[in-house]
Amino acid sequence: EKVKWDAQIRSSLIREKDLDLLKLMRKANCR
C-alpha cells in the first residue's frame, strides 16, 4: 500500500505456469 516496485527477470525463466506468481507480484504492487 506504500511502495511500488519492479524487478529484473530473464525471459527464459518465465513459463506459462508462472502466470499466477506474476499475478501475485502484481497484487504485491510490482508494476
Full PDB file with SEQRES, HELIX, SHEET, SSBOND, CRYST1, ORIGX, SCALE, CONECT and MASTER records, all heavy atoms in Angstrom:
SEQRES   1 A   31  GLU LYS VAL LYS TRP ASP ALA GLN ILE ARG SER SER LEU          
SEQRES   2 A   31  ILE ARG GLU LYS ASP LEU ASP LEU LEU LYS LEU MET ARG          
SEQRES   3 A   31  LYS ALA ASN CYS ARG                                          
HELIX    1 AA1 SER A   11  LEU A   13  5                                   3    
HELIX    2 AA2 GLU A   16  ASP A   18  5                                   3    
HELIX    3 AA3 LEU A   19  LYS A   27  1                                   9    
CRYST1    1.000    1.000    1.000  90.00  90.00  90.00 P 1           1          
ORIGX1      1.000000  0.000000  0.000000        0.00000                         
ORIGX2      0.000000  1.000000  0.000000        0.00000                         
ORIGX3      0.000000  0.000000  1.000000        0.00000                         
SCALE1      1.000000  0.000000  0.000000        0.00000                         
SCALE2      0.000000  1.000000  0.000000        0.00000                         
SCALE3      0.000000  0.000000  1.000000        0.00000                         
ATOM      1  N   GLU A   1       0.824  -1.214   0.000  1.00  0.00           N  
ATOM      2  CA  GLU A   1       0.000   0.000   0.000  1.00  0.00           C  
ATOM      3  C   GLU A   1       0.861   1.269   0.000  1.00  0.00           C  
ATOM      4  O   GLU A   1       0.349   2.364  -0.211  1.00  0.00           O  
ATOM      5  CB  GLU A   1      -0.915  -0.001   1.224  1.00  0.00           C  
ATOM      6  CG  GLU A   1      -1.892  -1.162   1.231  1.00  0.00           C  
ATOM      7  CD  GLU A   1      -2.593  -1.350   2.575  1.00  0.00           C  
ATOM      8  OE1 GLU A   1      -2.305  -0.594   3.530  1.00  0.00           O  
ATOM      9  OE2 GLU A   1      -3.422  -2.276   2.664  1.00  0.00           O  
ATOM     10  N   LYS A   2       2.171   1.105   0.210  1.00  0.00           N  
ATOM     11  CA  LYS A   2       3.047   2.259   0.369  1.00  0.00           C  
ATOM     12  C   LYS A   2       4.085   2.424  -0.733  1.00  0.00           C  
ATOM     13  O   LYS A   2       4.601   3.505  -0.927  1.00  0.00           O  
ATOM     14  CB  LYS A   2       3.771   2.160   1.713  1.00  0.00           C  
ATOM     15  CG  LYS A   2       2.823   2.145   2.892  1.00  0.00           C  
ATOM     16  CD  LYS A   2       3.573   1.898   4.178  1.00  0.00           C  
ATOM     17  CE  LYS A   2       2.562   1.808   5.321  1.00  0.00           C  
ATOM     18  NZ  LYS A   2       3.150   1.278   6.525  1.00  0.00           N  
ATOM     19  N   VAL A   3       4.419   1.329  -1.404  1.00  0.00           N  
ATOM     20  CA  VAL A   3       5.513   1.408  -2.366  1.00  0.00           C  
ATOM     21  C   VAL A   3       5.242   0.503  -3.569  1.00  0.00           C  
ATOM     22  O   VAL A   3       4.699  -0.587  -3.434  1.00  0.00           O  
ATOM     23  CB  VAL A   3       6.865   1.046  -1.689  1.00  0.00           C  
ATOM     24  CG1 VAL A   3       6.912  -0.398  -1.255  1.00  0.00           C  
ATOM     25  CG2 VAL A   3       8.040   1.399  -2.561  1.00  0.00           C  
ATOM     26  N   LYS A   4       5.607   1.007  -4.734  1.00  0.00           N  
ATOM     27  CA  LYS A   4       5.587   0.205  -5.961  1.00  0.00           C  
ATOM     28  C   LYS A   4       6.993  -0.349  -6.163  1.00  0.00           C  
ATOM     29  O   LYS A   4       7.961   0.184  -5.624  1.00  0.00           O  
ATOM     30  CB  LYS A   4       5.209   1.079  -7.161  1.00  0.00           C  
ATOM     31  CG  LYS A   4       3.815   1.643  -7.076  1.00  0.00           C  
ATOM     32  CD  LYS A   4       3.558   2.590  -8.232  1.00  0.00           C  
ATOM     33  CE  LYS A   4       2.199   3.254  -8.050  1.00  0.00           C  
ATOM     34  NZ  LYS A   4       1.963   4.293  -9.037  1.00  0.00           N  
ATOM     35  N   TRP A   5       7.091  -1.393  -6.964  1.00  0.00           N  
ATOM     36  CA  TRP A   5       8.410  -1.959  -7.220  1.00  0.00           C  
ATOM     37  C   TRP A   5       8.445  -2.668  -8.563  1.00  0.00           C  
ATOM     38  O   TRP A   5       7.418  -2.932  -9.170  1.00  0.00           O  
ATOM     39  CB  TRP A   5       8.829  -2.894  -6.086  1.00  0.00           C  
ATOM     40  CG  TRP A   5       7.889  -4.023  -5.777  1.00  0.00           C  
ATOM     41  CD1 TRP A   5       6.735  -3.955  -5.043  1.00  0.00           C  
ATOM     42  CD2 TRP A   5       8.014  -5.385  -6.175  1.00  0.00           C  
ATOM     43  NE1 TRP A   5       6.148  -5.191  -4.959  1.00  0.00           N  
ATOM     44  CE2 TRP A   5       6.911  -6.087  -5.632  1.00  0.00           C  
ATOM     45  CE3 TRP A   5       8.956  -6.084  -6.927  1.00  0.00           C  
ATOM     46  CZ2 TRP A   5       6.733  -7.456  -5.835  1.00  0.00           C  
ATOM     47  CZ3 TRP A   5       8.781  -7.447  -7.120  1.00  0.00           C  
ATOM     48  CH2 TRP A   5       7.678  -8.112  -6.577  1.00  0.00           C  
ATOM     49  N   ASP A   6       9.667  -2.884  -9.038  1.00  0.00           N  
ATOM     50  CA  ASP A   6       9.851  -3.691 -10.238  1.00  0.00           C  
ATOM     51  C   ASP A   6      11.094  -4.546 -10.060  1.00  0.00           C  
ATOM     52  O   ASP A   6      11.879  -4.343  -9.134  1.00  0.00           O  
ATOM     53  CB  ASP A   6       9.890  -2.843 -11.505  1.00  0.00           C  
ATOM     54  CG  ASP A   6      11.061  -1.897 -11.605  1.00  0.00           C  
ATOM     55  OD1 ASP A   6      11.283  -1.097 -10.676  1.00  0.00           O  
ATOM     56  OD2 ASP A   6      11.743  -1.935 -12.633  1.00  0.00           O  
ATOM     57  N   ALA A   7      11.237  -5.523 -10.937  1.00  0.00           N  
ATOM     58  CA  ALA A   7      12.325  -6.483 -10.806  1.00  0.00           C  
ATOM     59  C   ALA A   7      12.818  -6.922 -12.173  1.00  0.00           C  
ATOM     60  O   ALA A   7      12.086  -6.873 -13.153  1.00  0.00           O  
ATOM     61  CB  ALA A   7      11.853  -7.706 -10.013  1.00  0.00           C  
ATOM     62  N   GLN A   8      14.064  -7.352 -12.194  1.00  0.00           N  
ATOM     63  CA  GLN A   8      14.628  -7.930 -13.403  1.00  0.00           C  
ATOM     64  C   GLN A   8      14.312  -9.424 -13.431  1.00  0.00           C  
ATOM     65  O   GLN A   8      14.413 -10.093 -12.401  1.00  0.00           O  
ATOM     66  CB  GLN A   8      16.154  -7.784 -13.407  1.00  0.00           C  
ATOM     67  CG  GLN A   8      16.653  -6.390 -13.558  1.00  0.00           C  
ATOM     68  CD  GLN A   8      18.170  -6.347 -13.448  1.00  0.00           C  
ATOM     69  OE1 GLN A   8      18.750  -6.933 -12.551  1.00  0.00           O  
ATOM     70  NE2 GLN A   8      18.796  -5.633 -14.356  1.00  0.00           N  
ATOM     71  N   ILE A   9      13.952  -9.909 -14.597  1.00  0.00           N  
ATOM     72  CA  ILE A   9      13.742 -11.345 -14.785  1.00  0.00           C  
ATOM     73  C   ILE A   9      14.266 -11.707 -16.170  1.00  0.00           C  
ATOM     74  O   ILE A   9      14.029 -10.983 -17.137  1.00  0.00           O  
ATOM     75  CB  ILE A   9      12.250 -11.735 -14.668  1.00  0.00           C  
ATOM     76  CG1 ILE A   9      11.702 -11.395 -13.280  1.00  0.00           C  
ATOM     77  CG2 ILE A   9      12.067 -13.219 -14.958  1.00  0.00           C  
ATOM     78  CD1 ILE A   9      10.227 -11.708 -13.107  1.00  0.00           C  
ATOM     79  N   ARG A  10      14.945 -12.811 -16.277  1.00  0.00           N  
ATOM     80  CA  ARG A  10      15.385 -13.293 -17.591  1.00  0.00           C  
ATOM     81  C   ARG A  10      14.199 -13.928 -18.305  1.00  0.00           C  
ATOM     82  O   ARG A  10      13.437 -14.691 -17.697  1.00  0.00           O  
ATOM     83  CB  ARG A  10      16.504 -14.313 -17.433  1.00  0.00           C  
ATOM     84  CG  ARG A  10      17.808 -13.663 -16.995  1.00  0.00           C  
ATOM     85  CD  ARG A  10      18.886 -14.687 -16.837  1.00  0.00           C  
ATOM     86  NE  ARG A  10      18.699 -15.312 -15.536  1.00  0.00           N  
ATOM     87  CZ  ARG A  10      19.490 -16.237 -15.034  1.00  0.00           C  
ATOM     88  NH1 ARG A  10      20.508 -16.675 -15.718  1.00  0.00           N  
ATOM     89  NH2 ARG A  10      19.254 -16.745 -13.847  1.00  0.00           N  
ATOM     90  N   SER A  11      14.046 -13.652 -19.570  1.00  0.00           N  
ATOM     91  CA  SER A  11      12.890 -14.159 -20.314  1.00  0.00           C  
ATOM     92  C   SER A  11      12.835 -15.681 -20.305  1.00  0.00           C  
ATOM     93  O   SER A  11      11.756 -16.269 -20.294  1.00  0.00           O  
ATOM     94  CB  SER A  11      12.880 -13.631 -21.745  1.00  0.00           C  
ATOM     95  OG  SER A  11      13.988 -14.115 -22.479  1.00  0.00           O  
ATOM     96  N   SER A  12      13.975 -16.332 -20.259  1.00  0.00           N  
ATOM     97  CA  SER A  12      13.994 -17.800 -20.286  1.00  0.00           C  
ATOM     98  C   SER A  12      13.476 -18.424 -18.995  1.00  0.00           C  
ATOM     99  O   SER A  12      13.196 -19.619 -18.960  1.00  0.00           O  
ATOM    100  CB  SER A  12      15.419 -18.302 -20.554  1.00  0.00           C  
ATOM    101  OG  SER A  12      16.302 -17.849 -19.540  1.00  0.00           O  
ATOM    102  N   LEU A  13      13.314 -17.628 -17.944  1.00  0.00           N  
ATOM    103  CA  LEU A  13      12.806 -18.157 -16.674  1.00  0.00           C  
ATOM    104  C   LEU A  13      11.288 -18.113 -16.578  1.00  0.00           C  
ATOM    105  O   LEU A  13      10.711 -18.695 -15.669  1.00  0.00           O  
ATOM    106  CB  LEU A  13      13.399 -17.361 -15.502  1.00  0.00           C  
ATOM    107  CG  LEU A  13      14.894 -17.490 -15.296  1.00  0.00           C  
ATOM    108  CD1 LEU A  13      15.354 -16.573 -14.161  1.00  0.00           C  
ATOM    109  CD2 LEU A  13      15.278 -18.938 -15.006  1.00  0.00           C  
ATOM    110  N   ILE A  14      10.631 -17.414 -17.478  1.00  0.00           N  
ATOM    111  CA  ILE A  14       9.186 -17.223 -17.390  1.00  0.00           C  
ATOM    112  C   ILE A  14       8.476 -18.267 -18.241  1.00  0.00           C  
ATOM    113  O   ILE A  14       8.705 -18.372 -19.444  1.00  0.00           O  
ATOM    114  CB  ILE A  14       8.788 -15.800 -17.800  1.00  0.00           C  
ATOM    115  CG1 ILE A  14       9.451 -14.800 -16.859  1.00  0.00           C  
ATOM    116  CG2 ILE A  14       7.277 -15.637 -17.815  1.00  0.00           C  
ATOM    117  CD1 ILE A  14       9.276 -13.366 -17.248  1.00  0.00           C  
ATOM    118  N   ARG A  15       7.611 -19.008 -17.591  1.00  0.00           N  
ATOM    119  CA  ARG A  15       6.822 -20.050 -18.247  1.00  0.00           C  
ATOM    120  C   ARG A  15       5.341 -19.740 -18.070  1.00  0.00           C  
ATOM    121  O   ARG A  15       4.948 -18.957 -17.217  1.00  0.00           O  
ATOM    122  CB  ARG A  15       7.122 -21.424 -17.620  1.00  0.00           C  
ATOM    123  CG  ARG A  15       8.564 -21.852 -17.727  1.00  0.00           C  
ATOM    124  CD  ARG A  15       8.852 -22.336 -19.138  1.00  0.00           C  
ATOM    125  NE  ARG A  15      10.199 -22.837 -19.286  1.00  0.00           N  
ATOM    126  CZ  ARG A  15      11.155 -22.202 -19.947  1.00  0.00           C  
ATOM    127  NH1 ARG A  15      10.923 -21.024 -20.479  1.00  0.00           N  
ATOM    128  NH2 ARG A  15      12.344 -22.738 -20.076  1.00  0.00           N  
ATOM    129  N   GLU A  16       4.527 -20.396 -18.843  1.00  0.00           N  
ATOM    130  CA  GLU A  16       3.068 -20.242 -18.751  1.00  0.00           C  
ATOM    131  C   GLU A  16       2.580 -20.510 -17.326  1.00  0.00           C  
ATOM    132  O   GLU A  16       1.723 -19.808 -16.808  1.00  0.00           O  
ATOM    133  CB  GLU A  16       2.391 -21.194 -19.743  1.00  0.00           C  
ATOM    134  CG  GLU A  16       0.898 -21.033 -19.836  1.00  0.00           C  
ATOM    135  CD  GLU A  16       0.464 -19.728 -20.471  1.00  0.00           C  
ATOM    136  OE1 GLU A  16       1.153 -19.230 -21.371  1.00  0.00           O  
ATOM    137  OE2 GLU A  16      -0.574 -19.192 -20.025  1.00  0.00           O  
ATOM    138  N   LYS A  17       3.165 -21.501 -16.681  1.00  0.00           N  
ATOM    139  CA  LYS A  17       2.750 -21.871 -15.326  1.00  0.00           C  
ATOM    140  C   LYS A  17       3.070 -20.794 -14.289  1.00  0.00           C  
ATOM    141  O   LYS A  17       2.613 -20.873 -13.150  1.00  0.00           O  
ATOM    142  CB  LYS A  17       3.392 -23.196 -14.917  1.00  0.00           C  
ATOM    143  CG  LYS A  17       4.897 -23.121 -14.770  1.00  0.00           C  
ATOM    144  CD  LYS A  17       5.495 -24.463 -14.420  1.00  0.00           C  
ATOM    145  CE  LYS A  17       7.005 -24.346 -14.295  1.00  0.00           C  
ATOM    146  NZ  LYS A  17       7.624 -25.601 -13.969  1.00  0.00           N  
ATOM    147  N   ASP A  18       3.836 -19.779 -14.663  1.00  0.00           N  
ATOM    148  CA  ASP A  18       4.199 -18.696 -13.748  1.00  0.00           C  
ATOM    149  C   ASP A  18       3.183 -17.556 -13.730  1.00  0.00           C  
ATOM    150  O   ASP A  18       3.370 -16.577 -13.000  1.00  0.00           O  
ATOM    151  CB  ASP A  18       5.576 -18.133 -14.114  1.00  0.00           C  
ATOM    152  CG  ASP A  18       6.667 -19.164 -13.967  1.00  0.00           C  
ATOM    153  OD1 ASP A  18       6.613 -19.946 -12.999  1.00  0.00           O  
ATOM    154  OD2 ASP A  18       7.575 -19.202 -14.828  1.00  0.00           O  
ATOM    155  N   LEU A  19       2.121 -17.686 -14.485  1.00  0.00           N  
ATOM    156  CA  LEU A  19       1.125 -16.614 -14.556  1.00  0.00           C  
ATOM    157  C   LEU A  19       0.585 -16.259 -13.173  1.00  0.00           C  
ATOM    158  O   LEU A  19       0.491 -15.081 -12.824  1.00  0.00           O  
ATOM    159  CB  LEU A  19      -0.014 -16.990 -15.504  1.00  0.00           C  
ATOM    160  CG  LEU A  19      -1.122 -15.950 -15.670  1.00  0.00           C  
ATOM    161  CD1 LEU A  19      -0.569 -14.623 -16.202  1.00  0.00           C  
ATOM    162  CD2 LEU A  19      -2.207 -16.479 -16.598  1.00  0.00           C  
ATOM    163  N   ASP A  20       0.247 -17.250 -12.365  1.00  0.00           N  
ATOM    164  CA  ASP A  20      -0.285 -16.965 -11.033  1.00  0.00           C  
ATOM    165  C   ASP A  20       0.738 -16.249 -10.151  1.00  0.00           C  
ATOM    166  O   ASP A  20       0.380 -15.347  -9.392  1.00  0.00           O  
ATOM    167  CB  ASP A  20      -0.768 -18.240 -10.346  1.00  0.00           C  
ATOM    168  CG  ASP A  20      -2.053 -18.770 -10.966  1.00  0.00           C  
ATOM    169  OD1 ASP A  20      -2.774 -17.992 -11.628  1.00  0.00           O  
ATOM    170  OD2 ASP A  20      -2.342 -19.971 -10.784  1.00  0.00           O  
ATOM    171  N   LEU A  21       1.999 -16.633 -10.246  1.00  0.00           N  
ATOM    172  CA  LEU A  21       3.034 -15.958  -9.458  1.00  0.00           C  
ATOM    173  C   LEU A  21       3.205 -14.517  -9.925  1.00  0.00           C  
ATOM    174  O   LEU A  21       3.342 -13.599  -9.105  1.00  0.00           O  
ATOM    175  CB  LEU A  21       4.362 -16.715  -9.546  1.00  0.00           C  
ATOM    176  CG  LEU A  21       5.541 -16.096  -8.791  1.00  0.00           C  
ATOM    177  CD1 LEU A  21       5.208 -15.833  -7.325  1.00  0.00           C  
ATOM    178  CD2 LEU A  21       6.773 -16.996  -8.923  1.00  0.00           C  
ATOM    179  N   LEU A  22       3.165 -14.294 -11.211  1.00  0.00           N  
ATOM    180  CA  LEU A  22       3.261 -12.922 -11.723  1.00  0.00           C  
ATOM    181  C   LEU A  22       2.056 -12.092 -11.291  1.00  0.00           C  
ATOM    182  O   LEU A  22       2.190 -10.908 -10.966  1.00  0.00           O  
ATOM    183  CB  LEU A  22       3.407 -12.935 -13.243  1.00  0.00           C  
ATOM    184  CG  LEU A  22       4.765 -13.450 -13.741  1.00  0.00           C  
ATOM    185  CD1 LEU A  22       4.686 -13.842 -15.208  1.00  0.00           C  
ATOM    186  CD2 LEU A  22       5.855 -12.426 -13.512  1.00  0.00           C  
ATOM    187  N   LYS A  23       0.881 -12.710 -11.242  1.00  0.00           N  
ATOM    188  CA  LYS A  23      -0.302 -12.003 -10.734  1.00  0.00           C  
ATOM    189  C   LYS A  23      -0.146 -11.673  -9.253  1.00  0.00           C  
ATOM    190  O   LYS A  23      -0.580 -10.612  -8.798  1.00  0.00           O  
ATOM    191  CB  LYS A  23      -1.569 -12.829 -10.970  1.00  0.00           C  
ATOM    192  CG  LYS A  23      -2.014 -12.849 -12.415  1.00  0.00           C  
ATOM    193  CD  LYS A  23      -3.284 -13.681 -12.581  1.00  0.00           C  
ATOM    194  CE  LYS A  23      -3.761 -13.684 -14.015  1.00  0.00           C  
ATOM    195  NZ  LYS A  23      -4.991 -14.494 -14.184  1.00  0.00           N  
ATOM    196  N   LEU A  24       0.462 -12.575  -8.495  1.00  0.00           N  
ATOM    197  CA  LEU A  24       0.732 -12.298  -7.085  1.00  0.00           C  
ATOM    198  C   LEU A  24       1.718 -11.139  -6.950  1.00  0.00           C  
ATOM    199  O   LEU A  24       1.551 -10.278  -6.077  1.00  0.00           O  
ATOM    200  CB  LEU A  24       1.278 -13.551  -6.393  1.00  0.00           C  
ATOM    201  CG  LEU A  24       1.619 -13.392  -4.911  1.00  0.00           C  
ATOM    202  CD1 LEU A  24       0.364 -13.072  -4.089  1.00  0.00           C  
ATOM    203  CD2 LEU A  24       2.303 -14.654  -4.393  1.00  0.00           C  
ATOM    204  N   MET A  25       2.711 -11.104  -7.812  1.00  0.00           N  
ATOM    205  CA  MET A  25       3.642  -9.974  -7.815  1.00  0.00           C  
ATOM    206  C   MET A  25       2.882  -8.671  -8.065  1.00  0.00           C  
ATOM    207  O   MET A  25       3.122  -7.657  -7.410  1.00  0.00           O  
ATOM    208  CB  MET A  25       4.737 -10.178  -8.864  1.00  0.00           C  
ATOM    209  CG  MET A  25       5.716 -11.276  -8.507  1.00  0.00           C  
ATOM    210  SD  MET A  25       6.869 -11.700  -9.849  1.00  0.00           S  
ATOM    211  CE  MET A  25       7.792 -10.160 -10.004  1.00  0.00           C  
ATOM    212  N   ARG A  26       1.958  -8.699  -9.003  1.00  0.00           N  
ATOM    213  CA  ARG A  26       1.140  -7.510  -9.301  1.00  0.00           C  
ATOM    214  C   ARG A  26       0.330  -7.108  -8.075  1.00  0.00           C  
ATOM    215  O   ARG A  26       0.239  -5.931  -7.732  1.00  0.00           O  
ATOM    216  CB  ARG A  26       0.227  -7.805 -10.493  1.00  0.00           C  
ATOM    217  CG  ARG A  26      -0.777  -6.709 -10.839  1.00  0.00           C  
ATOM    218  CD  ARG A  26      -0.059  -5.500 -11.427  1.00  0.00           C  
ATOM    219  NE  ARG A  26      -0.971  -4.513 -11.944  1.00  0.00           N  
ATOM    220  CZ  ARG A  26      -1.476  -3.504 -11.222  1.00  0.00           C  
ATOM    221  NH1 ARG A  26      -1.176  -3.361  -9.955  1.00  0.00           N  
ATOM    222  NH2 ARG A  26      -2.287  -2.634 -11.784  1.00  0.00           N  
ATOM    223  N   LYS A  27      -0.248  -8.084  -7.394  1.00  0.00           N  
ATOM    224  CA  LYS A  27      -1.028  -7.812  -6.179  1.00  0.00           C  
ATOM    225  C   LYS A  27      -0.135  -7.191  -5.094  1.00  0.00           C  
ATOM    226  O   LYS A  27      -0.593  -6.350  -4.316  1.00  0.00           O  
ATOM    227  CB  LYS A  27      -1.671  -9.097  -5.675  1.00  0.00           C  
ATOM    228  CG  LYS A  27      -2.583  -8.908  -4.490  1.00  0.00           C  
ATOM    229  CD  LYS A  27      -3.259 -10.199  -4.091  1.00  0.00           C  
ATOM    230  CE  LYS A  27      -4.148  -9.978  -2.874  1.00  0.00           C  
ATOM    231  NZ  LYS A  27      -4.772 -11.228  -2.429  1.00  0.00           N  
ATOM    232  N   ALA A  28       1.146  -7.593  -5.057  1.00  0.00           N  
ATOM    233  CA  ALA A  28       2.104  -7.050  -4.094  1.00  0.00           C  
ATOM    234  C   ALA A  28       2.638  -5.691  -4.546  1.00  0.00           C  
ATOM    235  O   ALA A  28       3.549  -5.150  -3.945  1.00  0.00           O  
ATOM    236  CB  ALA A  28       3.245  -8.032  -3.879  1.00  0.00           C  
ATOM    237  N   ASN A  29       2.066  -5.139  -5.594  1.00  0.00           N  
ATOM    238  CA  ASN A  29       2.348  -3.813  -6.149  1.00  0.00           C  
ATOM    239  C   ASN A  29       3.595  -3.759  -7.023  1.00  0.00           C  
ATOM    240  O   ASN A  29       4.166  -2.686  -7.223  1.00  0.00           O  
ATOM    241  CB  ASN A  29       2.378  -2.721  -5.078  1.00  0.00           C  
ATOM    242  CG  ASN A  29       1.798  -1.423  -5.607  1.00  0.00           C  
ATOM    243  OD1 ASN A  29       1.235  -1.363  -6.704  1.00  0.00           O  
ATOM    244  ND2 ASN A  29       1.929  -0.361  -4.828  1.00  0.00           N  
ATOM    245  N   CYS A  30       4.023  -4.909  -7.545  1.00  0.00           N  
ATOM    246  CA  CYS A  30       5.013  -4.894  -8.608  1.00  0.00           C  
ATOM    247  C   CYS A  30       4.315  -4.319  -9.834  1.00  0.00           C  
ATOM    248  O   CYS A  30       3.167  -4.667 -10.130  1.00  0.00           O  
ATOM    249  CB  CYS A  30       5.517  -6.301  -8.905  1.00  0.00           C  
ATOM    250  SG  CYS A  30       6.724  -6.379 -10.249  1.00  0.00           S  
ATOM    251  N   ARG A  31       4.966  -3.437 -10.524  1.00  0.00           N  
ATOM    252  CA  ARG A  31       4.342  -2.791 -11.667  1.00  0.00           C  
ATOM    253  C   ARG A  31       5.046  -3.086 -12.980  1.00  0.00           C  
ATOM    254  O   ARG A  31       4.480  -2.916 -14.042  1.00  0.00           O  
ATOM    255  CB  ARG A  31       4.291  -1.266 -11.462  1.00  0.00           C  
ATOM    256  CG  ARG A  31       3.323  -0.854 -10.374  1.00  0.00           C  
ATOM    257  CD  ARG A  31       1.912  -1.198 -10.835  1.00  0.00           C  
ATOM    258  NE  ARG A  31       0.905  -0.809  -9.877  1.00  0.00           N  
ATOM    259  CZ  ARG A  31       0.216  -1.639  -9.127  1.00  0.00           C  
ATOM    260  NH1 ARG A  31       0.454  -2.925  -9.171  1.00  0.00           N  
ATOM    261  NH2 ARG A  31      -0.716  -1.212  -8.316  1.00  0.00           N  
TER     262      ARG A  31                                                      
MASTER        0    0    0    3    0    0    0    6  261    1    0    3          
END                                                                             
